[in-house]
Amino acid sequence: MGARLTIAVGTALVALAAACSAQSSTTDTGSPALHEPALVVGCDQVILRPRHPFADGYRRVLGVLAVPPAYIPQVVAITAERWPYWEKSGLVVRAGHELVTVTVAPGWRRRAAITWGNGTPAVASLRIDPCPSPGNVWNAYAGGFFMRSRGACVPLVFTVGGRARTVRFGIDRRCTS
């Protein structure tokens, strides 16, 4: 009985250490590293269930997402070496049974990163788990954009089922296309 308990505790500690290092990995400069593969954002990360997900310029994407406006003026300087600028914008997903993937377009991964979910690191891609609920429920997630420069026109690729759409976000800069 004692040996089984020791093995179980040891296994749990190894799993905990792996989870903690995955959540807090940094580059050798101390800045957040981009996690690969996509980080998973679970239903426990929902911060709000807005009644009007398209208020304040939020745009409908693929019928199940409410994404930030095309132009987002508020950017703040932060102390991270790799991502010295931050823009806070929520993401809203209609509750249902489809997995949502959000990815920084490949050519932009050295210039921008994203984060949605509570305490998630800067990533190039994340998956939002489907949260079964009535179809008229929308789930909001905290997060936003990390950037290397103050202003950018950042393209994100949203994928739901077999459908994908690229959407541009003018962060402290208006996009021309």
Protein backbone atom coordinates (compact mmCIF):
# COMPACT_ATOMS: atom_id res chain seq x y z
CA MET A 1 0.00 0.00 0.00
CA GLY A 2 2.81 2.44 0.89
CA ALA A 3 4.68 1.80 -2.39
CA ARG A 4 1.51 2.43 -4.43
CA LEU A 5 0.90 5.71 -2.61
CA THR A 6 4.52 6.78 -3.20
CA ILE A 7 4.23 5.98 -6.93
CA ALA A 8 0.90 7.82 -7.19
CA VAL A 9 2.27 10.91 -5.43
CA GLY A 10 5.43 10.84 -7.58
CA THR A 11 3.39 10.55 -10.77
CA ALA A 12 1.16 13.44 -9.68
CA LEU A 13 4.19 15.64 -8.91
CA VAL A 14 5.77 14.91 -12.31
CA ALA A 15 2.47 15.78 -14.05
CA LEU A 16 2.15 18.98 -12.01
CA ALA A 17 5.72 20.04 -12.80
CA ALA A 18 5.14 19.42 -16.52
CA ALA A 19 1.93 21.45 -16.48
CA CYS A 20 3.58 24.33 -14.65
CA SER A 21 6.57 24.44 -16.99
CA ALA A 22 4.27 24.35 -20.04
CA GLN A 23 2.30 27.33 -18.72
CA SER A 24 5.32 29.39 -17.75
CA SER A 25 7.94 28.70 -20.40
CA THR A 26 10.02 31.69 -21.39
CA THR A 27 12.73 32.46 -23.87
CA ASP A 28 16.26 32.94 -22.65
CA THR A 29 15.50 36.68 -22.48
CA GLY A 30 12.72 36.10 -19.95
CA SER A 31 9.93 36.97 -22.40
CA PRO A 32 6.98 34.68 -23.08
CA ALA A 33 7.76 31.92 -25.58
CA LEU A 34 5.32 30.99 -28.32
CA HIS A 35 3.81 27.62 -27.48
CA GLU A 36 3.46 24.95 -30.13
CA PRO A 37 1.15 23.18 -30.76
CA ALA A 38 -1.94 25.28 -30.12
CA LEU A 39 -2.74 26.05 -26.50
CA VAL A 40 -6.15 24.68 -25.39
CA VAL A 41 -8.57 27.12 -23.73
CA GLY A 42 -11.22 25.25 -21.76
CA CYS A 43 -14.76 26.15 -20.78
CA ASP A 44 -13.52 27.06 -17.30
CA GLN A 45 -11.84 30.12 -18.88
CA VAL A 46 -15.16 31.86 -19.75
CA ILE A 47 -15.31 35.23 -17.95
CA LEU A 48 -18.71 36.53 -19.06
CA ARG A 49 -21.80 35.61 -21.08
CA PRO A 50 -22.69 38.84 -22.95
CA ARG A 51 -26.25 39.32 -24.22
CA HIS A 52 -25.05 41.53 -27.08
CA PRO A 53 -21.76 40.09 -28.39
CA PHE A 54 -21.61 42.49 -31.38
CA ALA A 55 -21.71 45.72 -29.37
CA ASP A 56 -18.86 48.24 -29.61
CA GLY A 57 -17.90 47.31 -33.18
CA TYR A 58 -17.34 43.60 -32.62
CA ARG A 59 -17.57 41.66 -35.90
CA ARG A 60 -19.28 38.35 -36.70
CA VAL A 61 -16.91 35.69 -38.07
CA LEU A 62 -17.99 32.27 -39.35
CA GLY A 63 -21.32 32.65 -37.55
CA VAL A 64 -19.92 31.64 -34.16
CA LEU A 65 -17.38 34.32 -33.24
CA ALA A 66 -17.60 37.96 -32.19
CA VAL A 67 -14.11 39.40 -32.75
CA PRO A 68 -12.71 42.85 -31.87
CA PRO A 69 -13.30 45.82 -34.18
CA ALA A 70 -11.24 46.47 -37.32
CA TYR A 71 -9.52 49.43 -35.62
CA ILE A 72 -8.33 49.20 -32.01
CA PRO A 73 -6.61 52.39 -30.76
CA GLN A 74 -5.61 51.47 -27.19
CA VAL A 75 -2.10 50.03 -27.01
CA VAL A 76 0.14 50.03 -23.94
CA ALA A 77 3.88 49.59 -23.55
CA ILE A 78 4.83 46.71 -21.24
CA THR A 79 8.16 45.53 -19.89
CA ALA A 80 8.39 42.25 -21.83
CA GLU A 81 11.46 42.21 -24.07
CA ARG A 82 10.03 40.04 -26.85
CA TRP A 83 6.54 41.62 -26.87
CA PRO A 84 6.93 45.24 -25.69
CA TYR A 85 3.35 46.22 -26.61
CA TRP A 86 0.00 44.88 -25.46
CA GLU A 87 -3.57 45.47 -26.60
CA LYS A 88 -6.43 44.12 -24.49
CA SER A 89 -9.49 42.84 -26.39
CA GLY A 90 -11.91 40.11 -25.49
CA LEU A 91 -13.03 37.33 -27.81
CA VAL A 92 -16.58 35.98 -27.79
CA VAL A 93 -17.60 32.50 -28.99
CA ARG A 94 -21.12 31.14 -29.34
CA ALA A 95 -21.58 28.14 -27.08
CA GLY A 96 -21.98 24.92 -28.98
CA HIS A 97 -20.25 21.81 -30.12
CA GLU A 98 -17.55 23.13 -32.49
CA LEU A 99 -13.88 23.60 -31.73
CA VAL A 100 -12.56 27.09 -32.62
CA THR A 101 -8.92 27.65 -33.59
CA VAL A 102 -7.33 31.12 -33.66
CA THR A 103 -3.91 31.43 -35.29
CA VAL A 104 -1.56 34.31 -36.03
CA ALA A 105 -0.94 34.22 -39.79
CA PRO A 106 2.42 32.46 -40.44
CA GLY A 107 4.24 35.53 -41.79
CA TRP A 108 3.36 37.48 -38.63
CA ARG A 109 4.53 35.14 -35.87
CA ARG A 110 7.71 37.11 -35.18
CA ARG A 111 5.72 40.35 -35.01
CA ALA A 112 2.59 39.41 -33.05
CA ALA A 113 1.21 36.84 -30.64
CA ILE A 114 -2.21 36.28 -29.05
CA THR A 115 -3.67 35.19 -25.76
CA TRP A 116 -7.23 34.41 -24.71
CA GLY A 117 -8.16 32.65 -21.50
CA ASN A 118 -7.21 33.37 -17.91
CA GLY A 119 -3.46 33.63 -17.43
CA THR A 120 -2.55 32.03 -20.76
CA PRO A 121 0.86 32.86 -22.26
CA ALA A 122 1.65 34.52 -25.59
CA VAL A 123 0.97 31.98 -28.34
CA ALA A 124 0.89 31.72 -32.11
CA SER A 125 -2.22 29.54 -32.02
CA LEU A 126 -4.89 28.51 -29.57
CA ARG A 127 -7.92 26.21 -29.58
CA ILE A 128 -11.08 27.11 -27.75
CA ASP A 129 -12.92 24.03 -26.57
CA PRO A 130 -16.62 23.81 -27.45
CA CYS A 131 -18.77 24.62 -24.43
CA PRO A 132 -22.13 22.87 -24.73
CA SER A 133 -24.97 25.22 -23.81
CA PRO A 134 -28.14 26.52 -25.39
CA GLY A 135 -27.39 27.94 -28.86
CA ASN A 136 -28.14 31.53 -27.89
CA VAL A 137 -25.40 31.68 -25.22
CA TRP A 138 -22.17 33.53 -26.03
CA ASN A 139 -18.98 32.99 -24.00
CA ALA A 140 -16.44 35.79 -23.55
CA TYR A 141 -12.71 35.21 -22.99
CA ALA A 142 -10.20 37.74 -21.66
CA GLY A 143 -7.09 38.36 -23.71
CA GLY A 144 -5.68 40.29 -26.60
CA PHE A 145 -2.60 40.90 -28.71
CA PHE A 146 1.13 41.07 -27.95
CA MET A 147 3.25 42.96 -30.50
CA ARG A 148 6.83 43.86 -31.27
CA SER A 149 5.88 47.33 -32.58
CA ARG A 150 3.31 49.80 -31.28
CA GLY A 151 1.04 49.72 -34.32
CA ALA A 152 0.30 46.90 -36.73
CA CYS A 153 -2.35 45.45 -38.99
CA VAL A 154 -2.38 41.92 -37.55
CA PRO A 155 -4.00 39.07 -39.53
CA LEU A 156 -5.54 36.21 -37.55
CA VAL A 157 -6.92 33.01 -39.06
CA PHE A 158 -10.12 31.71 -37.43
CA THR A 159 -11.09 28.10 -38.11
CA VAL A 160 -14.39 26.45 -37.17
CA GLY A 161 -15.03 22.94 -38.47
CA GLY A 162 -13.70 22.87 -42.03
CA ARG A 163 -14.18 26.62 -42.56
CA ALA A 164 -11.47 29.25 -42.16
CA ARG A 165 -11.40 33.03 -42.45
CA THR A 166 -8.56 35.52 -42.14
CA VAL A 167 -9.47 38.74 -40.32
CA ARG A 168 -7.23 41.79 -39.95
CA PHE A 169 -6.99 43.90 -36.79
CA GLY A 170 -5.67 47.45 -37.02
CA ILE A 171 -3.97 47.93 -33.71
CA ASP A 172 -3.13 51.62 -33.26
CA ARG A 173 -3.15 51.76 -37.07
CA ARG A 174 -5.92 51.59 -39.63
CA CYS A 175 -5.69 48.67 -42.08
CA THR A 176 -5.92 49.61 -45.76
CA SER A 177 -7.30 46.29 -46.99
